[in-house]
Amino acid sequence: DRVVSLTNGCVCCEINEDLAGKLAALLKKRRSTIDVVIIETSGVCDPDPVLATLQQIEDIDKVHLDSVICVSDATTISDKDFGASLDAKRQLKHADLILLSKVDLLSEEALKDAKQALLKACEHEGISPVILESVQGNIDLQVLLGNKLERPKRKPMEDPSPPEKRARHEEQSRDQDNDHDHDHDHQSNHNHKKSHDHDHRHSRFSSFVYRATKPFDMMKFEMWAQKELPGVLRAKGLVWLQGIPRLVCFHLAGRRTNPFETVHCSEKPSCSEIVFIGRSGEVSEGEIRRGLDA
């Protein structure tokens, strides 16, 4: 299986045309061997432009958009900063299937309340998606794929990818594919690594990278990781901890961090790097840097 990464911007704005070109070239080259194409977007992606582009691909290349899958954290369904935020609602309204995750972290009564809140949110958006529960992302792939749902036709965007641009990007994709052979299951993944300051709804978000060239004291880092970071929605990176011969994965999603896990690599750690993503004007980069440097 191969992965095609689109990393020069955001899939719902700057590289939406690149997405169209990549898909068109992939279908032309590998149609007979492709079973399914999976597109993974970021947590703050606006589905509208992406779906408009996919509809254009459907019309031209005769493929079927199977389903839009949304992952919802059961512990933050009613949290206005996360599961009940405007961005979450914008994504939810397009969902054909919702994976209700982290259900193992709630009591039976709390899970019941979370389900009711999710159903209410779906009703408010006028949708009736399939809702499945999951623990640590474990779900049968066959349940997610091959649903062949009939989605209503969408109004075309002003200019998601006009024919001449699409042809140009298809040509560029063919050139790039000379160096990167793509096989059947295809997954496109991108992360926001820089701030978007254009006139777009992503201007509500900002990001920065923290780097350190000396190891962290494990206890101090754990204490820092337990603190609330106002405005921060996501943080992820590789951390160098004293006494550990390998880099450690660090993830923060919402208000929850992951158990530390080491990365298997041959080189010894020499630095740490963490990317922080949050709401513009609410994230204190200086305070975060001071806390980590302490």
Protein backbone atom coordinates (compact mmCIF):
# COMPACT_ATOMS: atom_id res chain seq x y z
CA ASP A 1 0.00 0.00 0.00
CA ARG A 2 1.15 3.55 -0.73
CA VAL A 3 0.52 6.92 0.87
CA VAL A 4 0.41 10.18 -1.06
CA SER A 5 1.06 13.19 1.19
CA LEU A 6 -0.09 16.69 0.28
CA THR A 7 1.95 18.90 2.59
CA ASN A 8 2.22 22.32 0.95
CA GLY A 9 -0.84 23.84 2.55
CA CYS A 10 -4.37 22.95 3.52
CA VAL A 11 -6.41 20.35 1.64
CA CYS A 12 -9.52 22.55 1.76
CA CYS A 13 -7.84 25.64 0.32
CA GLU A 14 -4.26 25.95 -0.98
CA ILE A 15 -3.79 22.36 -2.19
CA ASN A 16 -7.36 21.52 -3.12
CA GLU A 17 -6.35 21.72 -6.80
CA ASP A 18 -3.38 19.47 -6.05
CA LEU A 19 -5.79 16.95 -4.54
CA ALA A 20 -7.85 16.96 -7.73
CA GLY A 21 -4.77 16.51 -9.91
CA LYS A 22 -3.33 13.71 -7.78
CA LEU A 23 -6.60 11.80 -7.77
CA ALA A 24 -7.12 12.23 -11.50
CA ALA A 25 -3.60 11.00 -12.29
CA LEU A 26 -3.92 8.11 -9.83
CA LEU A 27 -7.22 6.96 -11.34
CA LYS A 28 -5.87 7.19 -14.85
CA LYS A 29 -2.76 5.21 -14.01
CA ARG A 30 -4.06 2.64 -11.52
CA ARG A 31 -7.82 2.35 -11.99
CA SER A 32 -7.70 -1.41 -12.60
CA THR A 33 -5.78 -2.11 -9.38
CA ILE A 34 -7.37 0.40 -7.00
CA ASP A 35 -10.05 -0.87 -4.65
CA VAL A 36 -10.56 2.24 -2.56
CA VAL A 37 -9.06 5.70 -2.07
CA ILE A 38 -9.09 7.03 1.49
CA ILE A 39 -8.57 10.75 2.05
CA GLU A 40 -7.67 11.76 5.59
CA THR A 41 -7.93 15.45 6.39
CA SER A 42 -6.89 17.44 9.43
CA GLY A 43 -9.10 17.97 12.46
CA VAL A 44 -9.94 21.55 11.42
CA CYS A 45 -10.59 20.89 7.75
CA ASP A 46 -13.66 22.40 6.13
CA PRO A 47 -15.30 19.52 4.20
CA ASP A 48 -17.16 21.76 1.71
CA PRO A 49 -14.36 22.47 -0.81
CA VAL A 50 -13.02 18.92 -0.54
CA LEU A 51 -16.44 17.41 -1.26
CA ALA A 52 -16.95 19.81 -4.17
CA THR A 53 -13.67 18.65 -5.67
CA LEU A 54 -14.57 15.00 -5.13
CA GLN A 55 -17.91 15.53 -6.83
CA GLN A 56 -16.09 16.93 -9.83
CA ILE A 57 -13.84 13.86 -9.84
CA GLU A 58 -16.96 11.68 -9.64
CA ASP A 59 -18.53 13.39 -12.65
CA ILE A 60 -15.40 13.24 -14.81
CA ASP A 61 -13.78 9.97 -13.79
CA LYS A 62 -16.91 7.96 -13.00
CA VAL A 63 -16.07 7.01 -9.45
CA HIS A 64 -18.35 6.91 -6.41
CA LEU A 65 -17.91 8.87 -3.18
CA ASP A 66 -18.66 6.07 -0.76
CA SER A 67 -19.02 7.91 2.53
CA VAL A 68 -17.80 10.70 4.76
CA ILE A 69 -16.64 9.40 8.12
CA CYS A 70 -16.41 11.65 11.17
CA VAL A 71 -14.73 10.71 14.46
CA SER A 72 -16.35 12.22 17.56
CA ASP A 73 -14.80 12.09 21.03
CA ALA A 74 -17.48 10.78 23.39
CA THR A 75 -15.93 12.68 26.29
CA THR A 76 -16.23 16.11 24.62
CA ILE A 77 -19.52 15.88 22.70
CA SER A 78 -21.04 18.76 24.65
CA ASP A 79 -17.84 20.78 25.09
CA LYS A 80 -18.20 24.12 23.25
CA ASP A 81 -14.44 24.22 22.64
CA PHE A 82 -14.34 20.77 21.03
CA GLY A 83 -17.26 18.47 20.19
CA ALA A 84 -19.84 21.27 20.23
CA SER A 85 -17.67 23.89 18.52
CA LEU A 86 -18.61 25.53 15.23
CA ASP A 87 -15.86 23.62 13.42
CA ALA A 88 -17.10 20.30 14.79
CA LYS A 89 -20.66 21.12 13.74
CA ARG A 90 -19.50 22.10 10.25
CA GLN A 91 -17.87 18.70 9.85
CA LEU A 92 -20.69 16.78 11.50
CA LYS A 93 -23.30 17.98 9.02
CA HIS A 94 -21.54 16.10 6.20
CA ALA A 95 -21.13 12.81 8.07
CA ASP A 96 -22.59 9.60 6.69
CA LEU A 97 -21.00 7.57 9.45
CA ILE A 98 -19.83 8.70 12.89
CA LEU A 99 -17.31 6.82 15.00
CA LEU A 100 -18.00 7.64 18.63
CA SER A 101 -14.55 7.17 20.15
CA LYS A 102 -13.22 6.82 23.71
CA VAL A 103 -16.46 5.23 24.90
CA ASP A 104 -14.41 3.15 27.36
CA LEU A 105 -13.55 6.30 29.32
CA LEU A 106 -17.18 7.01 30.27
CA SER A 107 -19.54 5.41 32.74
CA GLU A 108 -22.67 3.76 31.39
CA GLU A 109 -24.77 6.77 32.32
CA ALA A 110 -22.28 9.29 30.91
CA LEU A 111 -22.08 7.33 27.65
CA LYS A 112 -25.87 7.37 27.40
CA ASP A 113 -25.83 11.16 27.82
CA ALA A 114 -23.10 11.49 25.18
CA LYS A 115 -25.12 9.46 22.68
CA GLN A 116 -28.21 11.56 23.31
CA ALA A 117 -26.19 14.76 22.84
CA LEU A 118 -24.76 13.43 19.57
CA LEU A 119 -28.20 12.40 18.29
CA LYS A 120 -29.54 15.83 19.18
CA ALA A 121 -26.68 17.51 17.31
CA CYS A 122 -27.32 15.31 14.27
CA GLU A 123 -31.02 16.12 14.36
CA HIS A 124 -30.20 19.83 14.53
CA GLU A 125 -28.03 19.46 11.39
CA GLY A 126 -30.76 17.49 9.63
CA ILE A 127 -28.73 14.30 9.24
CA SER A 128 -29.25 10.66 10.21
CA PRO A 129 -25.80 9.06 10.06
CA VAL A 130 -24.84 5.57 11.15
CA ILE A 131 -23.23 5.82 14.62
CA LEU A 132 -20.69 3.21 15.75
CA GLU A 133 -18.80 3.02 19.02
CA SER A 134 -15.05 2.47 19.05
CA VAL A 135 -12.26 2.00 21.58
CA GLN A 136 -8.74 3.13 20.63
CA GLY A 137 -9.83 3.32 17.00
CA ASN A 138 -10.51 -0.40 16.71
CA ILE A 139 -13.18 -0.93 14.07
CA ASP A 140 -13.71 -3.47 11.30
CA LEU A 141 -12.60 -1.85 8.04
CA GLN A 142 -15.34 -3.67 6.15
CA VAL A 143 -17.91 -1.76 8.20
CA LEU A 144 -16.46 1.56 7.02
CA LEU A 145 -16.00 0.80 3.33
CA GLY A 146 -18.28 -0.26 0.51
CA ASN A 147 -21.44 1.34 1.85
CA LYS A 148 -22.40 2.77 -1.59
CA LEU A 149 -24.47 5.50 -0.02
CA GLU A 150 -26.47 7.80 -2.26
CA ARG A 151 -25.36 11.33 -1.46
CA PRO A 152 -27.28 14.38 -2.71
CA LYS A 153 -25.60 16.35 -5.50
CA ARG A 154 -23.83 19.42 -4.21
CA LYS A 155 -23.81 22.86 -5.75
CA PRO A 156 -20.44 23.39 -7.42
CA MET A 157 -17.95 25.73 -5.78
CA GLU A 158 -17.00 28.90 -7.66
CA ASP A 159 -13.78 27.38 -8.97
CA PRO A 160 -12.72 24.19 -7.17
CA SER A 161 -10.47 23.15 -10.04
CA PRO A 162 -11.21 24.38 -13.57
CA PRO A 163 -10.34 22.02 -16.45
CA GLU A 164 -7.17 23.80 -17.50
CA LYS A 165 -5.83 23.83 -13.92
CA ARG A 166 -6.86 20.23 -13.44
CA ALA A 167 -4.98 19.21 -16.60
CA ARG A 168 -1.89 21.08 -15.44
CA HIS A 169 -1.92 19.43 -12.02
CA GLU A 170 -2.54 16.04 -13.61
CA GLU A 171 0.57 16.56 -15.72
CA GLN A 172 2.57 17.59 -12.64
CA SER A 173 1.31 14.56 -10.76
CA ARG A 174 2.41 12.26 -13.58
CA ASP A 175 5.88 13.78 -13.42
CA GLN A 176 6.05 13.24 -9.67
CA ASP A 177 4.73 9.70 -10.01
CA ASN A 178 7.80 8.80 -12.05
CA ASP A 179 9.64 8.82 -8.74
CA HIS A 180 6.83 7.54 -6.49
CA ASP A 181 4.90 4.45 -7.56
CA HIS A 182 1.37 4.35 -6.10
CA ASP A 183 -0.36 1.04 -5.51
CA HIS A 184 -3.84 0.19 -4.55
CA ASP A 185 -5.08 1.57 -1.29
CA HIS A 186 -4.35 5.29 -1.37
CA GLN A 187 -4.44 7.59 1.58
CA SER A 188 -3.82 11.31 1.52
CA ASN A 189 -2.80 12.88 4.81
CA HIS A 190 -1.68 16.36 5.80
CA ASN A 191 -1.06 18.33 8.93
CA HIS A 192 -1.14 22.09 9.46
CA LYS A 193 2.48 23.03 10.11
CA LYS A 194 2.23 26.76 9.72
CA SER A 195 -0.27 29.50 10.43
CA HIS A 196 -2.89 30.35 7.79
CA ASP A 197 -3.18 34.12 7.64
CA HIS A 198 -5.22 34.39 4.45
CA ASP A 199 -8.84 35.50 4.37
CA HIS A 200 -10.25 32.09 5.19
CA ARG A 201 -11.92 30.46 8.14
CA HIS A 202 -8.57 28.80 8.98
CA SER A 203 -7.36 32.25 10.02
CA ARG A 204 -9.05 31.36 13.29
CA PHE A 205 -6.26 28.86 13.87
CA SER A 206 -2.54 29.24 14.37
CA SER A 207 0.38 26.92 15.00
CA PHE A 208 3.98 27.02 16.08
CA VAL A 209 6.84 24.56 16.57
CA TYR A 210 8.80 24.24 19.82
CA ARG A 211 12.32 22.80 19.59
CA ALA A 212 14.82 21.94 22.31
CA THR A 213 18.35 20.56 22.03
CA LYS A 214 18.66 19.20 25.57
CA PRO A 215 16.67 16.39 27.25
CA PHE A 216 13.68 17.03 29.50
CA ASP A 217 13.51 15.86 33.07
CA MET A 218 10.79 13.20 32.90
CA MET A 219 8.94 14.23 36.07
CA LYS A 220 8.96 17.92 35.12
CA PHE A 221 7.71 17.17 31.61
CA GLU A 222 4.91 14.95 32.94
CA MET A 223 3.86 17.70 35.37
CA TRP A 224 3.86 20.26 32.52
CA ALA A 225 1.85 17.91 30.27
CA GLN A 226 -0.89 17.66 32.91
CA LYS A 227 -1.48 21.42 32.92
CA GLU A 228 -4.28 22.96 30.89
CA LEU A 229 -3.05 24.89 27.86
CA PRO A 230 -5.66 27.55 27.02
CA GLY A 231 -6.59 27.67 23.35
CA VAL A 232 -4.51 24.62 22.37
CA LEU A 233 -6.53 22.04 20.43
CA ARG A 234 -3.75 19.68 19.41
CA ALA A 235 -0.07 19.11 20.09
CA LYS A 236 2.17 16.35 18.85
CA GLY A 237 5.83 15.63 18.54
CA LEU A 238 8.90 13.64 19.52
CA VAL A 239 10.45 14.30 22.91
CA TRP A 240 13.92 13.59 24.30
CA LEU A 241 13.69 12.54 27.96
CA GLN A 242 16.61 12.04 30.32
CA GLY A 243 17.54 8.39 30.85
CA ILE A 244 15.57 7.10 27.85
CA PRO A 245 17.71 6.02 24.86
CA ARG A 246 14.90 6.57 22.35
CA LEU A 247 12.62 9.43 21.39
CA VAL A 248 9.20 9.44 23.02
CA CYS A 249 5.93 10.18 21.16
CA PHE A 250 3.91 12.99 22.69
CA HIS A 251 0.28 13.63 21.76
CA LEU A 252 -2.21 16.07 23.20
CA ALA A 253 -5.76 16.08 21.86
CA GLY A 254 -8.19 18.39 23.58
CA ARG A 255 -7.32 18.09 27.24
CA ARG A 256 -5.91 14.60 27.13
CA THR A 257 -2.35 13.37 26.61
CA ASN A 258 -1.25 9.90 25.59
CA PRO A 259 0.81 7.43 27.62
CA PHE A 260 4.44 7.87 26.64
CA GLU A 261 5.67 5.41 24.01
CA THR A 262 9.15 5.20 22.58
CA VAL A 263 9.94 5.32 18.87
CA HIS A 264 11.99 2.53 17.38
CA CYS A 265 14.96 4.07 15.62
CA SER A 266 18.67 3.39 15.29
CA GLU A 267 19.85 6.90 16.20
CA LYS A 268 20.11 8.22 19.72
CA PRO A 269 17.92 11.25 20.61
CA SER A 270 19.50 14.66 20.10
CA CYS A 271 16.56 17.06 20.24
CA SER A 272 12.83 17.47 20.88
CA GLU A 273 10.23 18.94 18.52
CA ILE A 274 6.55 19.58 19.31
CA VAL A 275 3.93 21.19 17.05
CA PHE A 276 1.13 23.14 18.76
CA ILE A 277 -2.16 23.95 16.99
CA GLY A 278 -4.79 26.19 18.53
CA ARG A 279 -7.18 29.09 18.17
CA SER A 280 -5.61 32.37 17.13
CA GLY A 281 -5.44 34.89 19.93
CA GLU A 282 -6.09 32.28 22.62
CA VAL A 283 -2.80 30.38 22.57
CA SER A 284 0.05 31.87 24.59
CA GLU A 285 3.15 30.73 22.72
CA GLY A 286 5.43 32.55 25.13
CA GLU A 287 3.86 30.93 28.18
CA ILE A 288 4.14 27.47 26.63
CA ARG A 289 7.78 28.02 25.71
CA ARG A 290 8.60 29.30 29.19
CA GLY A 291 6.86 26.31 30.77
CA LEU A 292 8.84 23.85 28.69
CA ASP A 293 12.14 25.68 29.18
CA ALA A 294 11.74 25.83 32.98
